[in-house]
Amino acid sequence: MSWNELVHLVGQDSMLFGLAFILLFMFLRRTLRVGGFLGFTGVLTTVVLLAMLSWIQWNRYQVGNSIMQIVITDNPTYRILTPTQEPMFEPAVITVDNIRYITDKHNEKSPNYLPWRVIAIPK
């Protein structure tokens, strides 16, 4: 995965990561200064929040790789659908600015989709 793909993968969740790290810093400071129930539970729940956000990003990455492999190998047992549930008749992988997109070869006006945005459905 390239740096550009990673930026698109994380997308809007980067603000959530930033807020979670700010919260973690605040709760760590409170825990070291005062201690108490609020500090310890804040640190614990913020770490859980960061773990969940990382897990979501990892799953999005895995889904994108799986769909990319389906398109590259031209697997006949799967049908690729756009986010609007329209089928792609001949999906292909194109690379623009070091980012891999999936598009339809038959439709010249087909937009480029990021791999984790399309849906792979078994036939």
C-alpha atoms as a PDB file:
ATOM      1  CA  MET A   1       0.000   0.000   0.000  1.00  0.00           C
ATOM      2  CA  SER A   2       1.330   3.405  -0.928  1.00  0.00           C
ATOM      3  CA  TRP A   3       1.228   6.516   1.247  1.00  0.00           C
ATOM      4  CA  ASN A   4      -1.491   8.018  -0.983  1.00  0.00           C
ATOM      5  CA  GLU A   5      -3.666   4.917  -0.549  1.00  0.00           C
ATOM      6  CA  LEU A   6      -3.167   5.058   3.219  1.00  0.00           C
ATOM      7  CA  VAL A   7      -4.322   8.695   3.281  1.00  0.00           C
ATOM      8  CA  HIS A   8      -7.463   7.732   1.340  1.00  0.00           C
ATOM      9  CA  LEU A   9      -8.005   4.685   3.542  1.00  0.00           C
ATOM     10  CA  VAL A  10      -7.971   6.620   6.793  1.00  0.00           C
ATOM     11  CA  GLY A  11      -9.880   9.516   5.232  1.00  0.00           C
ATOM     12  CA  GLN A  12     -12.192  11.314   7.630  1.00  0.00           C
ATOM     13  CA  ASP A  13     -11.221   9.038  10.513  1.00  0.00           C
ATOM     14  CA  SER A  14      -7.950  10.922  10.892  1.00  0.00           C
ATOM     15  CA  MET A  15      -9.838  13.579  12.874  1.00  0.00           C
ATOM     16  CA  LEU A  16     -11.189  10.872  15.177  1.00  0.00           C
ATOM     17  CA  PHE A  17      -7.679   9.544  15.718  1.00  0.00           C
ATOM     18  CA  GLY A  18      -6.479  13.047  16.522  1.00  0.00           C
ATOM     19  CA  LEU A  19      -9.280  13.641  19.016  1.00  0.00           C
ATOM     20  CA  ALA A  20      -8.679  10.266  20.627  1.00  0.00           C
ATOM     21  CA  PHE A  21      -4.972  11.031  21.087  1.00  0.00           C
ATOM     22  CA  ILE A  22      -5.822  14.420  22.589  1.00  0.00           C
ATOM     23  CA  LEU A  23      -8.231  12.704  24.994  1.00  0.00           C
ATOM     24  CA  LEU A  24      -5.604  10.127  25.885  1.00  0.00           C
ATOM     25  CA  PHE A  25      -3.075  12.881  26.608  1.00  0.00           C
ATOM     26  CA  MET A  26      -5.584  14.747  28.787  1.00  0.00           C
ATOM     27  CA  PHE A  27      -6.551  11.655  30.771  1.00  0.00           C
ATOM     28  CA  LEU A  28      -2.916  10.601  31.199  1.00  0.00           C
ATOM     29  CA  ARG A  29      -2.064  14.043  32.552  1.00  0.00           C
ATOM     30  CA  ARG A  30      -5.017  13.898  34.952  1.00  0.00           C
ATOM     31  CA  THR A  31      -4.082  10.408  36.095  1.00  0.00           C
ATOM     32  CA  LEU A  32      -0.468  11.375  36.782  1.00  0.00           C
ATOM     33  CA  ARG A  33      -1.457  14.610  38.521  1.00  0.00           C
ATOM     34  CA  VAL A  34      -4.516  13.614  40.561  1.00  0.00           C
ATOM     35  CA  GLY A  35      -5.180   9.929  40.020  1.00  0.00           C
ATOM     36  CA  GLY A  36      -8.671   8.770  40.804  1.00  0.00           C
ATOM     37  CA  PHE A  37     -11.422   6.915  39.041  1.00  0.00           C
ATOM     38  CA  LEU A  38     -11.988   9.441  36.215  1.00  0.00           C
ATOM     39  CA  GLY A  39      -8.349   9.413  35.134  1.00  0.00           C
ATOM     40  CA  PHE A  40      -7.981   5.640  35.097  1.00  0.00           C
ATOM     41  CA  THR A  41     -11.282   4.963  33.327  1.00  0.00           C
ATOM     42  CA  GLY A  42     -10.593   7.760  30.844  1.00  0.00           C
ATOM     43  CA  VAL A  43      -7.221   6.289  29.917  1.00  0.00           C
ATOM     44  CA  LEU A  44      -8.701   2.808  29.620  1.00  0.00           C
ATOM     45  CA  THR A  45     -11.685   3.810  27.478  1.00  0.00           C
ATOM     46  CA  THR A  46      -9.557   6.019  25.232  1.00  0.00           C
ATOM     47  CA  VAL A  47      -7.174   3.135  24.593  1.00  0.00           C
ATOM     48  CA  VAL A  48     -10.195   0.953  23.748  1.00  0.00           C
ATOM     49  CA  LEU A  49     -11.450   3.684  21.370  1.00  0.00           C
ATOM     50  CA  LEU A  50      -8.069   3.839  19.621  1.00  0.00           C
ATOM     51  CA  ALA A  51      -8.030   0.041  19.320  1.00  0.00           C
ATOM     52  CA  MET A  52     -11.503   0.034  17.774  1.00  0.00           C
ATOM     53  CA  LEU A  53     -10.587   2.766  15.277  1.00  0.00           C
ATOM     54  CA  SER A  54      -7.445   0.850  14.301  1.00  0.00           C
ATOM     55  CA  TRP A  55      -9.475  -2.347  13.915  1.00  0.00           C
ATOM     56  CA  ILE A  56     -11.916  -0.563  11.580  1.00  0.00           C
ATOM     57  CA  GLN A  57      -9.046   0.701   9.425  1.00  0.00           C
ATOM     58  CA  TRP A  58      -7.448  -2.759   9.312  1.00  0.00           C
ATOM     59  CA  ASN A  59     -10.743  -4.341   8.206  1.00  0.00           C
ATOM     60  CA  ARG A  60     -11.211  -1.702   5.509  1.00  0.00           C
ATOM     61  CA  TYR A  61      -7.678  -2.457   4.294  1.00  0.00           C
ATOM     62  CA  GLN A  62      -8.339  -6.221   4.237  1.00  0.00           C
ATOM     63  CA  VAL A  63     -11.616  -5.805   2.337  1.00  0.00           C
ATOM     64  CA  GLY A  64      -9.896  -3.535  -0.184  1.00  0.00           C
ATOM     65  CA  ASN A  65      -7.106  -6.069  -0.742  1.00  0.00           C
ATOM     66  CA  SER A  66      -9.582  -8.934  -1.148  1.00  0.00           C
ATOM     67  CA  ILE A  67     -11.666  -7.050  -3.688  1.00  0.00           C
ATOM     68  CA  MET A  68      -8.510  -5.961  -5.503  1.00  0.00           C
ATOM     69  CA  GLN A  69      -7.413  -9.626  -5.755  1.00  0.00           C
ATOM     70  CA  ILE A  70     -10.854 -10.622  -7.079  1.00  0.00           C
ATOM     71  CA  VAL A  71     -10.618  -7.976  -9.806  1.00  0.00           C
ATOM     72  CA  ILE A  72      -6.969  -8.717 -10.681  1.00  0.00           C
ATOM     73  CA  THR A  73      -7.523 -12.472 -11.000  1.00  0.00           C
ATOM     74  CA  ASP A  74     -10.810 -11.891 -12.865  1.00  0.00           C
ATOM     75  CA  ASN A  75     -12.566 -14.358 -10.564  1.00  0.00           C
ATOM     76  CA  PRO A  76     -15.739 -15.556 -12.337  1.00  0.00           C
ATOM     77  CA  THR A  77     -17.507 -16.546  -9.112  1.00  0.00           C
ATOM     78  CA  TYR A  78     -17.886 -12.925  -7.956  1.00  0.00           C
ATOM     79  CA  ARG A  79     -19.764  -9.974  -9.346  1.00  0.00           C
ATOM     80  CA  ILE A  80     -18.525  -6.473  -8.546  1.00  0.00           C
ATOM     81  CA  LEU A  81     -21.143  -3.845  -7.718  1.00  0.00           C
ATOM     82  CA  THR A  82     -20.733  -0.095  -7.402  1.00  0.00           C
ATOM     83  CA  PRO A  83     -21.825   1.657  -4.190  1.00  0.00           C
ATOM     84  CA  THR A  84     -25.160   2.388  -5.916  1.00  0.00           C
ATOM     85  CA  GLN A  85     -25.687  -1.375  -6.470  1.00  0.00           C
ATOM     86  CA  GLU A  86     -25.069  -1.208 -10.245  1.00  0.00           C
ATOM     87  CA  PRO A  87     -23.016  -4.112 -11.659  1.00  0.00           C
ATOM     88  CA  MET A  88     -19.639  -3.622 -13.291  1.00  0.00           C
ATOM     89  CA  PHE A  89     -19.484  -5.741 -16.416  1.00  0.00           C
ATOM     90  CA  GLU A  90     -15.715  -5.841 -16.772  1.00  0.00           C
ATOM     91  CA  PRO A  91     -13.969  -4.368 -13.719  1.00  0.00           C
ATOM     92  CA  ALA A  92     -10.351  -3.335 -14.096  1.00  0.00           C
ATOM     93  CA  VAL A  93      -7.672  -1.885 -11.846  1.00  0.00           C
ATOM     94  CA  ILE A  94      -6.174   1.456 -12.835  1.00  0.00           C
ATOM     95  CA  THR A  95      -3.481   3.427 -11.035  1.00  0.00           C
ATOM     96  CA  VAL A  96      -3.715   7.210 -10.785  1.00  0.00           C
ATOM     97  CA  ASP A  97      -1.214   9.165  -8.677  1.00  0.00           C
ATOM     98  CA  ASN A  98      -0.009   5.932  -7.035  1.00  0.00           C
ATOM     99  CA  ILE A  99      -3.563   5.040  -5.915  1.00  0.00           C
ATOM    100  CA  ARG A 100      -5.247   1.921  -7.244  1.00  0.00           C
ATOM    101  CA  TYR A 101      -8.861   2.395  -8.350  1.00  0.00           C
ATOM    102  CA  ILE A 102     -11.437   0.011  -9.761  1.00  0.00           C
ATOM    103  CA  THR A 103     -13.325   1.057 -12.874  1.00  0.00           C
ATOM    104  CA  ASP A 104     -15.469  -0.559 -15.573  1.00  0.00           C
ATOM    105  CA  LYS A 105     -13.657  -1.185 -18.874  1.00  0.00           C
ATOM    106  CA  HIS A 106     -16.887  -1.229 -20.914  1.00  0.00           C
ATOM    107  CA  ASN A 107     -18.188   2.108 -19.667  1.00  0.00           C
ATOM    108  CA  GLU A 108     -15.789   4.914 -20.587  1.00  0.00           C
ATOM    109  CA  LYS A 109     -17.649   7.378 -18.358  1.00  0.00           C
ATOM    110  CA  SER A 110     -17.481   5.081 -15.343  1.00  0.00           C
ATOM    111  CA  PRO A 111     -16.091   6.805 -12.263  1.00  0.00           C
ATOM    112  CA  ASN A 112     -13.095   5.380 -10.445  1.00  0.00           C
ATOM    113  CA  TYR A 113     -13.919   3.678  -7.149  1.00  0.00           C
ATOM    114  CA  LEU A 114     -11.614   2.977  -4.245  1.00  0.00           C
ATOM    115  CA  PRO A 115     -11.429  -0.800  -3.613  1.00  0.00           C
ATOM    116  CA  TRP A 116     -13.178  -0.723  -0.239  1.00  0.00           C
ATOM    117  CA  ARG A 117     -16.101   1.268  -1.708  1.00  0.00           C
ATOM    118  CA  VAL A 118     -17.226  -1.409  -4.170  1.00  0.00           C
ATOM    119  CA  ILE A 119     -19.031  -4.600  -3.219  1.00  0.00           C
ATOM    120  CA  ALA A 120     -18.086  -8.151  -4.237  1.00  0.00           C
ATOM    121  CA  ILE A 121     -21.122 -10.475  -4.349  1.00  0.00           C
ATOM    122  CA  PRO A 122     -20.879 -14.210  -5.097  1.00  0.00           C
ATOM    123  CA  LYS A 123     -22.774 -15.209  -8.232  1.00  0.00           C
END
